[in-house]
Amino acid sequence: MVTKTITEQRAEVRIFAGNDPAHTATGSSGISSPTPALTPLMLDEATGKLVV
C-alpha cells in the first residue's frame, strides 16, 4: 500500500485567522457608555469599598 500526501496551496495566507466572512460573526455589544477598566476586585473610588 502506497500513501501519497498532497499539500494544498492557498492564495489566502491567513484563511483561518478570523477574517473569513463566512465564519466571522459581528453584532452590537449593547454598551453605550465607556466602562471602567476591570480589576480582580472593583473598588469604589470615593469610598474605597468593594463594589458588588
PDB file of N, CA and C in Angstrom:
ATOM      1  N   MET A   1       0.844  -1.180   0.000  1.00  0.00           N
ATOM      2  CA  MET A   1       0.000   0.000   0.000  1.00  0.00           C
ATOM      3  C   MET A   1       0.889   1.242   0.000  1.00  0.00           C
ATOM      4  N   VAL A   2       0.604   2.167  -0.896  1.00  0.00           N
ATOM      5  CA  VAL A   2       1.371   3.404  -1.012  1.00  0.00           C
ATOM      6  C   VAL A   2       0.471   4.566  -0.611  1.00  0.00           C
ATOM      7  N   THR A   3       0.976   5.421   0.272  1.00  0.00           N
ATOM      8  CA  THR A   3       0.230   6.603   0.703  1.00  0.00           C
ATOM      9  C   THR A   3       0.875   7.830   0.086  1.00  0.00           C
ATOM     10  N   LYS A   4       0.067   8.644  -0.549  1.00  0.00           N
ATOM     11  CA  LYS A   4       0.568   9.862  -1.175  1.00  0.00           C
ATOM     12  C   LYS A   4       0.013  11.069  -0.423  1.00  0.00           C
ATOM     13  N   THR A   5       0.893  11.956  -0.009  1.00  0.00           N
ATOM     14  CA  THR A   5       0.492  13.164   0.703  1.00  0.00           C
ATOM     15  C   THR A   5       0.408  14.319  -0.284  1.00  0.00           C
ATOM     16  N   ILE A   6      -0.720  15.004  -0.268  1.00  0.00           N
ATOM     17  CA  ILE A   6      -0.918  16.166  -1.131  1.00  0.00           C
ATOM     18  C   ILE A   6      -1.054  17.392  -0.235  1.00  0.00           C
ATOM     19  N   THR A   7      -0.213  18.383  -0.445  1.00  0.00           N
ATOM     20  CA  THR A   7      -0.274  19.625   0.320  1.00  0.00           C
ATOM     21  C   THR A   7      -0.981  20.676  -0.514  1.00  0.00           C
ATOM     22  N   GLU A   8      -2.070  21.210   0.048  1.00  0.00           N
ATOM     23  CA  GLU A   8      -2.847  22.215  -0.676  1.00  0.00           C
ATOM     24  C   GLU A   8      -2.175  23.576  -0.564  1.00  0.00           C
ATOM     25  N   GLN A   9      -2.068  24.280  -1.651  1.00  0.00           N
ATOM     26  CA  GLN A   9      -1.514  25.629  -1.675  1.00  0.00           C
ATOM     27  C   GLN A   9      -2.672  26.618  -1.775  1.00  0.00           C
ATOM     28  N   ARG A  10      -2.776  27.521  -0.802  1.00  0.00           N
ATOM     29  CA  ARG A  10      -3.852  28.510  -0.783  1.00  0.00           C
ATOM     30  C   ARG A  10      -3.303  29.885  -1.129  1.00  0.00           C
ATOM     31  N   ALA A  11      -4.095  30.635  -1.878  1.00  0.00           N
ATOM     32  CA  ALA A  11      -3.707  32.005  -2.220  1.00  0.00           C
ATOM     33  C   ALA A  11      -3.821  32.911  -0.996  1.00  0.00           C
ATOM     34  N   GLU A  12      -4.837  32.673  -0.162  1.00  0.00           N
ATOM     35  CA  GLU A  12      -5.045  33.467   1.052  1.00  0.00           C
ATOM     36  C   GLU A  12      -4.184  32.877   2.163  1.00  0.00           C
ATOM     37  N   VAL A  13      -3.176  33.629   2.591  1.00  0.00           N
ATOM     38  CA  VAL A  13      -2.227  33.114   3.574  1.00  0.00           C
ATOM     39  C   VAL A  13      -2.887  32.916   4.930  1.00  0.00           C
ATOM     40  N   ARG A  14      -3.741  33.844   5.344  1.00  0.00           N
ATOM     41  CA  ARG A  14      -4.330  33.789   6.686  1.00  0.00           C
ATOM     42  C   ARG A  14      -5.810  33.413   6.622  1.00  0.00           C
ATOM     43  N   ILE A  15      -6.129  32.363   5.904  1.00  0.00           N
ATOM     44  CA  ILE A  15      -7.529  31.983   5.704  1.00  0.00           C
ATOM     45  C   ILE A  15      -8.236  31.637   7.021  1.00  0.00           C
ATOM     46  N   PHE A  16      -7.512  31.092   7.998  1.00  0.00           N
ATOM     47  CA  PHE A  16      -8.138  30.685   9.255  1.00  0.00           C
ATOM     48  C   PHE A  16      -7.807  31.635  10.401  1.00  0.00           C
ATOM     49  N   ALA A  17      -7.456  32.863  10.102  1.00  0.00           N
ATOM     50  CA  ALA A  17      -7.049  33.808  11.138  1.00  0.00           C
ATOM     51  C   ALA A  17      -8.191  34.707  11.597  1.00  0.00           C
ATOM     52  N   GLY A  18      -9.436  34.305  11.404  1.00  0.00           N
ATOM     53  CA  GLY A  18     -10.569  35.069  11.885  1.00  0.00           C
ATOM     54  C   GLY A  18     -11.062  36.129  10.933  1.00  0.00           C
ATOM     55  N   ASN A  19     -10.614  36.105   9.689  1.00  0.00           N
ATOM     56  CA  ASN A  19     -11.056  37.124   8.744  1.00  0.00           C
ATOM     57  C   ASN A  19     -11.920  36.541   7.642  1.00  0.00           C
ATOM     58  N   ASP A  20     -12.394  35.332   7.816  1.00  0.00           N
ATOM     59  CA  ASP A  20     -13.253  34.694   6.820  1.00  0.00           C
ATOM     60  C   ASP A  20     -14.688  35.143   7.078  1.00  0.00           C
ATOM     61  N   PRO A  21     -15.319  35.917   6.181  1.00  0.00           N
ATOM     62  CA  PRO A  21     -16.664  36.434   6.443  1.00  0.00           C
ATOM     63  C   PRO A  21     -17.709  35.340   6.635  1.00  0.00           C
ATOM     64  N   ALA A  22     -17.477  34.157   6.118  1.00  0.00           N
ATOM     65  CA  ALA A  22     -18.445  33.077   6.293  1.00  0.00           C
ATOM     66  C   ALA A  22     -18.457  32.552   7.722  1.00  0.00           C
ATOM     67  N   HIS A  23     -17.378  32.751   8.472  1.00  0.00           N
ATOM     68  CA  HIS A  23     -17.278  32.211   9.828  1.00  0.00           C
ATOM     69  C   HIS A  23     -16.952  33.287  10.854  1.00  0.00           C
ATOM     70  N   THR A  24     -17.227  34.548  10.545  1.00  0.00           N
ATOM     71  CA  THR A  24     -16.958  35.640  11.468  1.00  0.00           C
ATOM     72  C   THR A  24     -18.272  36.354  11.772  1.00  0.00           C
ATOM     73  N   ALA A  25     -18.678  36.311  13.035  1.00  0.00           N
ATOM     74  CA  ALA A  25     -19.928  36.950  13.437  1.00  0.00           C
ATOM     75  C   ALA A  25     -19.652  38.383  13.883  1.00  0.00           C
ATOM     76  N   THR A  26     -20.562  39.279  13.561  1.00  0.00           N
ATOM     77  CA  THR A  26     -20.479  40.655  14.033  1.00  0.00           C
ATOM     78  C   THR A  26     -21.821  41.031  14.636  1.00  0.00           C
ATOM     79  N   GLY A  27     -21.791  41.923  15.597  1.00  0.00           N
ATOM     80  CA  GLY A  27     -23.031  42.357  16.227  1.00  0.00           C
ATOM     81  C   GLY A  27     -22.754  43.508  17.169  1.00  0.00           C
ATOM     82  N   SER A  28     -23.808  44.120  17.669  1.00  0.00           N
ATOM     83  CA  SER A  28     -23.640  45.228  18.603  1.00  0.00           C
ATOM     84  C   SER A  28     -23.491  44.676  20.012  1.00  0.00           C
ATOM     85  N   SER A  29     -22.725  45.372  20.830  1.00  0.00           N
ATOM     86  CA  SER A  29     -22.452  44.891  22.181  1.00  0.00           C
ATOM     87  C   SER A  29     -23.505  45.337  23.180  1.00  0.00           C
ATOM     88  N   GLY A  30     -24.223  46.417  22.895  1.00  0.00           N
ATOM     89  CA  GLY A  30     -25.197  46.932  23.846  1.00  0.00           C
ATOM     90  C   GLY A  30     -24.584  47.874  24.864  1.00  0.00           C
ATOM     91  N   ILE A  31     -23.277  48.102  24.799  1.00  0.00           N
ATOM     92  CA  ILE A  31     -22.616  49.030  25.713  1.00  0.00           C
ATOM     93  C   ILE A  31     -22.629  50.399  25.056  1.00  0.00           C
ATOM     94  N   SER A  32     -23.303  51.354  25.700  1.00  0.00           N
ATOM     95  CA  SER A  32     -23.451  52.679  25.094  1.00  0.00           C
ATOM     96  C   SER A  32     -22.570  53.738  25.745  1.00  0.00           C
ATOM     97  N   SER A  33     -22.002  53.451  26.904  1.00  0.00           N
ATOM     98  CA  SER A  33     -21.138  54.428  27.564  1.00  0.00           C
ATOM     99  C   SER A  33     -19.823  53.755  27.944  1.00  0.00           C
ATOM    100  N   PRO A  34     -18.766  54.528  28.103  1.00  0.00           N
ATOM    101  CA  PRO A  34     -17.482  53.939  28.480  1.00  0.00           C
ATOM    102  C   PRO A  34     -17.583  53.225  29.827  1.00  0.00           C
ATOM    103  N   THR A  35     -16.935  52.104  29.949  1.00  0.00           N
ATOM    104  CA  THR A  35     -16.950  51.339  31.196  1.00  0.00           C
ATOM    105  C   THR A  35     -15.577  51.417  31.843  1.00  0.00           C
ATOM    106  N   PRO A  36     -15.514  51.343  33.165  1.00  0.00           N
ATOM    107  CA  PRO A  36     -14.211  51.392  33.834  1.00  0.00           C
ATOM    108  C   PRO A  36     -13.412  50.120  33.546  1.00  0.00           C
ATOM    109  N   ALA A  37     -12.114  50.234  33.670  1.00  0.00           N
ATOM    110  CA  ALA A  37     -11.261  49.061  33.474  1.00  0.00           C
ATOM    111  C   ALA A  37     -11.562  48.039  34.564  1.00  0.00           C
ATOM    112  N   LEU A  38     -11.655  46.787  34.186  1.00  0.00           N
ATOM    113  CA  LEU A  38     -11.950  45.737  35.157  1.00  0.00           C
ATOM    114  C   LEU A  38     -10.677  45.329  35.889  1.00  0.00           C
ATOM    115  N   THR A  39     -10.811  45.147  37.183  1.00  0.00           N
ATOM    116  CA  THR A  39      -9.716  44.651  38.009  1.00  0.00           C
ATOM    117  C   THR A  39     -10.239  43.432  38.750  1.00  0.00           C
ATOM    118  N   PRO A  40      -9.372  42.622  39.328  1.00  0.00           N
ATOM    119  CA  PRO A  40      -9.863  41.457  40.071  1.00  0.00           C
ATOM    120  C   PRO A  40     -10.868  41.844  41.161  1.00  0.00           C
ATOM    121  N   LEU A  41     -10.646  42.971  41.822  1.00  0.00           N
ATOM    122  CA  LEU A  41     -11.593  43.484  42.816  1.00  0.00           C
ATOM    123  C   LEU A  41     -11.945  44.909  42.410  1.00  0.00           C
ATOM    124  N   MET A  42     -13.234  45.157  42.119  1.00  0.00           N
ATOM    125  CA  MET A  42     -13.669  46.500  41.743  1.00  0.00           C
ATOM    126  C   MET A  42     -13.897  47.298  43.025  1.00  0.00           C
ATOM    127  N   LEU A  43     -13.176  48.401  43.169  1.00  0.00           N
ATOM    128  CA  LEU A  43     -13.312  49.252  44.346  1.00  0.00           C
ATOM    129  C   LEU A  43     -13.915  50.585  43.952  1.00  0.00           C
ATOM    130  N   ASP A  44     -14.814  51.088  44.808  1.00  0.00           N
ATOM    131  CA  ASP A  44     -15.393  52.409  44.594  1.00  0.00           C
ATOM    132  C   ASP A  44     -14.316  53.449  44.886  1.00  0.00           C
ATOM    133  N   GLU A  45     -14.082  54.358  43.933  1.00  0.00           N
ATOM    134  CA  GLU A  45     -13.015  55.345  44.096  1.00  0.00           C
ATOM    135  C   GLU A  45     -13.286  56.307  45.245  1.00  0.00           C
ATOM    136  N   ALA A  46     -14.552  56.636  45.493  1.00  0.00           N
ATOM    137  CA  ALA A  46     -14.882  57.613  46.536  1.00  0.00           C
ATOM    138  C   ALA A  46     -14.741  57.016  47.932  1.00  0.00           C
ATOM    139  N   THR A  47     -15.265  55.803  48.130  1.00  0.00           N
ATOM    140  CA  THR A  47     -15.277  55.219  49.474  1.00  0.00           C
ATOM    141  C   THR A  47     -14.190  54.175  49.679  1.00  0.00           C
ATOM    142  N   GLY A  48     -13.672  53.613  48.602  1.00  0.00           N
ATOM    143  CA  GLY A  48     -12.663  52.565  48.727  1.00  0.00           C
ATOM    144  C   GLY A  48     -13.251  51.212  49.061  1.00  0.00           C
ATOM    145  N   LYS A  49     -14.593  51.117  49.033  1.00  0.00           N
ATOM    146  CA  LYS A  49     -15.248  49.850  49.369  1.00  0.00           C
ATOM    147  C   LYS A  49     -15.426  48.993  48.126  1.00  0.00           C
ATOM    148  N   LEU A  50     -15.583  47.709  48.343  1.00  0.00           N
ATOM    149  CA  LEU A  50     -15.768  46.751  47.264  1.00  0.00           C
ATOM    150  C   LEU A  50     -17.117  46.961  46.600  1.00  0.00           C
ATOM    151  N   VAL A  51     -17.136  47.023  45.273  1.00  0.00           N
ATOM    152  CA  VAL A  51     -18.368  47.175  44.511  1.00  0.00           C
ATOM    153  C   VAL A  51     -18.904  45.788  44.219  1.00  0.00           C
ATOM    154  N   VAL A  52     -20.168  45.566  44.579  1.00  0.00           N
ATOM    155  CA  VAL A  52     -20.778  44.245  44.368  1.00  0.00           C
ATOM    156  C   VAL A  52     -21.583  44.245  43.106  1.00  0.00           C
TER     157      VAL A  52
END
